[in-house]
Protein backbone atom coordinates (compact mmCIF):
# COMPACT_ATOMS: atom_id res chain seq x y z
CA MET A 1 35.62 -8.38 -0.04
CA LYS A 2 34.10 -8.65 -3.42
CA PRO A 3 30.37 -7.77 -3.48
CA ILE A 4 27.97 -10.64 -4.37
CA ASP A 5 26.37 -10.23 -7.73
CA ILE A 6 22.61 -10.73 -7.35
CA ALA A 7 19.53 -11.02 -9.59
CA ILE A 8 15.91 -10.25 -8.71
CA VAL A 9 13.01 -12.24 -9.87
CA GLY A 10 9.72 -10.27 -9.61
CA LEU A 11 9.46 -6.43 -9.83
CA GLY A 12 6.41 -5.92 -7.63
CA GLN A 13 5.84 -3.14 -5.03
CA ARG A 14 7.80 -4.86 -2.22
CA THR A 15 10.83 -5.10 -4.48
CA PHE A 16 10.79 -1.37 -5.39
CA LYS A 17 9.89 -0.34 -1.82
CA LYS A 18 12.21 -2.61 0.03
CA ALA A 19 14.61 -4.93 -1.80
CA LEU A 20 16.11 -2.42 -4.23
CA SER A 21 17.12 -0.03 -1.45
CA ALA A 22 18.45 -2.87 0.65
CA ILE A 23 20.71 -4.07 -2.19
CA THR A 24 21.78 -0.71 -3.66
CA ASN A 25 22.44 1.00 -0.34
CA GLU A 26 25.15 -1.52 0.54
CA PRO A 27 27.31 -1.68 -2.57
CA LYS A 28 30.27 -3.27 -0.72
CA TYR A 29 28.07 -6.34 -0.08
CA TRP A 30 25.73 -6.52 -3.15
CA ARG A 31 25.72 -5.66 -6.78
CA LEU A 32 22.42 -5.81 -8.76
CA VAL A 33 23.15 -7.19 -12.21
CA ALA A 34 19.87 -8.60 -13.63
CA ALA A 35 16.11 -8.69 -12.99
CA ILE A 36 12.97 -10.49 -14.35
CA ASP A 37 9.41 -9.54 -14.66
CA ARG A 38 6.72 -10.58 -17.11
CA VAL A 39 5.42 -6.96 -17.41
CA GLU A 40 7.37 -4.79 -19.72
CA GLU A 41 6.41 -1.67 -17.90
CA GLN A 42 7.99 -2.94 -14.66
CA ARG A 43 11.25 -3.66 -16.47
CA VAL A 44 11.28 -0.19 -17.95
CA ARG A 45 10.58 1.24 -14.49
CA LEU A 46 13.62 -0.56 -13.10
CA ASN A 47 15.95 0.52 -15.92
CA ALA A 48 15.09 4.15 -15.51
CA PRO A 49 17.25 4.54 -12.35
CA PHE A 50 19.37 1.38 -13.10
CA PRO A 51 20.22 1.40 -16.76
CA ASP A 52 23.11 -1.03 -16.36
CA VAL A 53 20.84 -3.83 -14.96
CA SER A 54 19.95 -6.43 -17.60
CA THR A 55 16.24 -7.22 -17.55
CA PHE A 56 14.45 -10.25 -18.87
CA ALA A 57 10.84 -11.43 -19.29
CA ASN A 58 11.40 -15.04 -17.87
CA VAL A 59 13.78 -17.27 -16.06
CA GLN A 60 14.96 -19.08 -19.16
CA GLU A 61 16.27 -15.91 -20.67
CA LEU A 62 17.99 -14.96 -17.44
CA LEU A 63 19.75 -18.23 -17.01
CA GLU A 64 20.72 -18.41 -20.69
CA TRP A 65 22.27 -14.87 -20.29
CA ASN A 66 24.01 -16.02 -17.16
CA ARG A 67 25.80 -18.81 -19.07
CA SER A 68 26.77 -16.73 -22.12
CA GLU A 69 30.08 -15.31 -23.15
CA ASP A 70 32.32 -17.02 -20.53
CA GLU A 71 32.31 -19.98 -18.14
CA HIS A 72 31.85 -17.72 -15.08
CA ARG A 73 28.43 -17.11 -13.78
CA ARG A 74 27.38 -13.56 -13.81
CA PHE A 75 25.49 -13.77 -10.54
CA GLU A 76 25.71 -15.92 -7.47
CA ALA A 77 22.36 -15.39 -5.84
CA VAL A 78 18.77 -14.56 -6.64
CA ASN A 79 16.11 -12.72 -4.58
CA ILE A 80 12.72 -14.18 -5.57
CA ALA A 81 9.62 -12.11 -4.74
CA VAL A 82 6.65 -13.35 -6.83
CA PRO A 83 3.02 -14.44 -6.07
CA HIS A 84 2.97 -17.65 -4.17
CA HIS A 85 1.83 -19.89 -6.89
CA CYS A 86 4.67 -18.68 -9.28
CA TYR A 87 7.53 -20.07 -7.20
CA ARG A 88 7.28 -23.47 -8.85
CA GLU A 89 7.92 -21.82 -12.23
CA THR A 90 11.20 -20.31 -11.11
CA MET A 91 12.71 -22.19 -8.17
CA PRO A 92 13.65 -25.58 -9.74
CA ASP A 93 15.61 -24.17 -12.73
CA ILE A 94 17.55 -21.84 -10.46
CA LEU A 95 18.37 -24.21 -7.77
CA SER A 96 19.45 -26.96 -10.19
CA LEU A 97 22.31 -24.62 -11.28
CA GLY A 98 23.59 -24.23 -7.80
CA ILE A 99 22.60 -20.56 -7.46
CA HIS A 100 21.68 -19.39 -3.96
CA VAL A 101 18.15 -18.34 -3.38
CA LEU A 102 16.57 -15.87 -0.96
CA LYS A 103 12.86 -15.98 -1.38
CA LYS A 104 9.93 -14.17 0.33
CA LYS A 105 7.53 -16.14 2.37
CA PRO A 106 5.98 -18.74 2.22
CA ALA A 107 8.66 -21.45 1.99
CA ALA A 108 6.49 -23.40 -0.38
CA MET A 109 2.89 -24.07 -1.27
CA SER A 110 3.06 -27.48 0.48
CA PRO A 111 5.53 -29.57 2.56
CA GLU A 112 6.01 -31.88 -0.48
CA GLU A 113 7.02 -28.83 -2.67
CA LEU A 114 9.37 -27.63 0.04
CA SER A 115 11.14 -30.98 0.21
CA CYS A 116 11.62 -30.93 -3.54
CA TYR A 117 13.29 -27.48 -3.27
CA GLU A 118 15.44 -28.67 -0.28
CA ARG A 119 16.53 -31.74 -2.26
CA LEU A 120 17.61 -29.60 -5.19
CA ALA A 121 19.50 -27.21 -2.97
CA ASP A 122 21.35 -30.09 -1.18
CA ARG A 123 22.28 -31.73 -4.52
CA THR A 124 23.89 -28.57 -5.99
CA SER A 125 25.21 -27.03 -2.67
CA ALA A 126 22.91 -24.07 -3.11
CA ILE A 127 21.77 -22.07 -0.09
CA LEU A 128 17.98 -21.78 0.09
CA THR A 129 16.40 -19.44 2.78
CA THR A 130 13.05 -17.69 3.39
CA ALA A 131 12.63 -14.24 4.82
CA SER A 132 9.86 -11.83 5.78
CA GLU A 133 10.99 -8.24 5.76
CA ARG A 134 8.38 -6.62 7.89
CA ARG A 135 10.23 -7.32 11.26
CA TYR A 136 13.06 -5.16 9.88
CA GLY A 137 10.97 -1.98 9.31
CA ASN A 138 11.29 1.34 11.10
CA ALA A 139 8.24 0.77 13.31
CA MET A 140 9.62 -2.62 14.62
CA ALA A 141 12.98 -1.00 15.35
CA GLN A 142 11.31 1.77 17.37
CA MET A 143 9.29 -0.78 19.26
CA LYS A 144 12.34 -2.80 20.06
CA PHE A 145 14.01 0.36 21.29
CA TRP A 146 11.18 0.97 23.80
CA MET A 147 10.89 -2.54 24.82
CA GLU A 148 14.57 -2.61 26.00
CA ARG A 149 13.62 0.04 28.48
CA ILE A 150 10.75 -1.77 29.99
CA ARG A 151 10.34 -5.26 31.35
CA SER A 152 9.79 -8.10 28.87
CA PRO A 153 6.07 -8.61 28.02
CA SER A 154 4.58 -11.93 28.74
CA THR A 155 1.76 -11.67 26.18
CA PHE A 156 1.20 -9.90 22.95
CA GLU A 157 -1.95 -8.61 21.23
CA ALA A 158 -1.24 -7.74 17.59
CA GLN A 159 -3.16 -6.55 14.57
CA LEU A 160 -2.02 -6.10 10.95
CA LYS A 161 -3.86 -4.69 8.04
CA LEU A 162 -2.98 -4.82 4.37
CA CYS A 163 -4.69 -2.06 2.29
CA ILE A 164 -5.75 -3.83 -0.88
CA PRO A 165 -8.58 -2.00 -2.68
CA ASN A 166 -10.05 -4.97 -4.50
CA LEU A 167 -9.03 -8.31 -3.07
CA CYS A 168 -11.01 -10.29 -5.63
CA GLU A 169 -8.95 -8.88 -8.54
CA GLY A 170 -5.64 -10.54 -7.47
CA TRP A 171 -4.31 -13.74 -6.24
CA ARG A 172 -4.37 -13.27 -2.51
CA ALA A 173 -8.06 -14.24 -2.04
CA ARG A 174 -7.76 -17.58 -4.00
CA SER A 175 -6.46 -20.37 -1.85
CA SER A 176 -5.35 -22.39 -4.91
CA LEU A 177 -2.97 -19.57 -5.76
CA ALA A 178 -2.03 -18.19 -2.38
CA GLY A 179 -1.89 -21.44 -0.46
CA GLY A 180 -4.49 -20.12 1.93
CA GLY A 181 -6.74 -17.13 2.43
CA ALA A 182 -5.97 -13.68 3.74
CA LEU A 183 -5.64 -14.89 7.38
CA ALA A 184 -2.72 -17.31 6.45
CA ASP A 185 -1.22 -14.70 4.17
CA VAL A 186 -1.32 -11.82 6.78
CA GLY A 187 -0.83 -14.20 9.69
CA TRP A 188 2.61 -15.20 8.50
CA HIS A 189 3.80 -11.62 8.73
CA LEU A 190 2.00 -11.03 12.06
CA LEU A 191 3.64 -14.10 13.71
CA ASP A 192 7.08 -13.23 12.35
CA MET A 193 6.83 -9.76 13.85
CA VAL A 194 5.74 -10.98 17.25
CA ILE A 195 8.53 -13.65 17.20
CA GLY A 196 11.00 -10.93 16.33
CA LEU A 197 9.89 -8.91 19.36
CA ALA A 198 9.54 -11.78 21.76
CA ASN A 199 12.70 -13.45 20.83
CA PRO A 200 15.17 -10.75 19.60
CA ASN A 201 18.29 -12.89 20.10
CA ASP A 202 16.98 -15.99 18.45
CA GLU A 203 17.67 -17.88 21.67
CA VAL A 204 14.57 -20.13 21.30
CA VAL A 205 13.18 -21.63 18.08
CA PRO A 206 9.44 -21.22 18.24
CA VAL A 207 6.91 -23.81 17.33
CA VAL A 208 3.65 -22.61 15.73
CA GLU A 209 0.70 -24.81 15.94
CA TYR A 210 -2.69 -24.41 14.15
CA SER A 211 -6.14 -25.83 14.62
CA LYS A 212 -7.04 -29.12 12.81
CA LEU A 213 -10.38 -27.53 12.12
CA PHE A 214 -8.80 -24.77 10.12
CA TYR A 215 -10.24 -24.75 6.59
CA VAL A 216 -10.95 -22.36 3.65
CA ARG A 217 -14.39 -21.67 2.33
CA PRO A 218 -15.72 -19.28 -0.34
CA PHE A 219 -17.38 -16.19 0.88
CA HIS A 220 -18.46 -13.20 -1.39
CA GLY A 221 -16.19 -14.30 -4.12
CA GLN A 222 -13.22 -14.72 -1.76
CA ASP A 223 -11.56 -17.74 -0.04
CA CYS A 224 -11.93 -17.18 3.69
CA GLU A 225 -10.55 -19.21 6.65
CA ASP A 226 -12.65 -20.62 9.49
């Protein structure tokens, strides 16, 4: 089986900690051929261990490279891991060319935006899927190992903490960029991990409901949910 040629959009810490090893440790399935990041230092950091990977500053450069020299596309799929508000700058152009997309959560900033992505994917026969990688970590694997040896729990109490030194400096505490505050951002990961434990064989599709009174308000320079 020929490995799938893949490109990465976004060279943040999750890409370096998780995605790169997942791709490069399985060479019979994947081959990393290109990557994008606006920050030159991140592109240099990637090319140090992977000098054969072509790097670009934006999606337009990547797609132009992908069309050059011959009629065959140089990659078939893209892993997108950028801040939430940056998806709309990358997704439409990639999906419109029929390139498959695996993106980090959330699926979109709004239901309307998600419908737009889904229509593009349907039109070009591209596969569009969203994933959260935390349920596949070592701690979760160990917990599943022990849960198999005890009876299935009926309730879960879970806590998750992200260590971000100054939340106000980034995009996470601004609802206009993150699509919610820290509760929504961290809550997605927390629910995904609990669902992975409670429903390991994907036998039941869960439905998550939220309060109609849930809203975001500013507090000490951050957008907080109530």
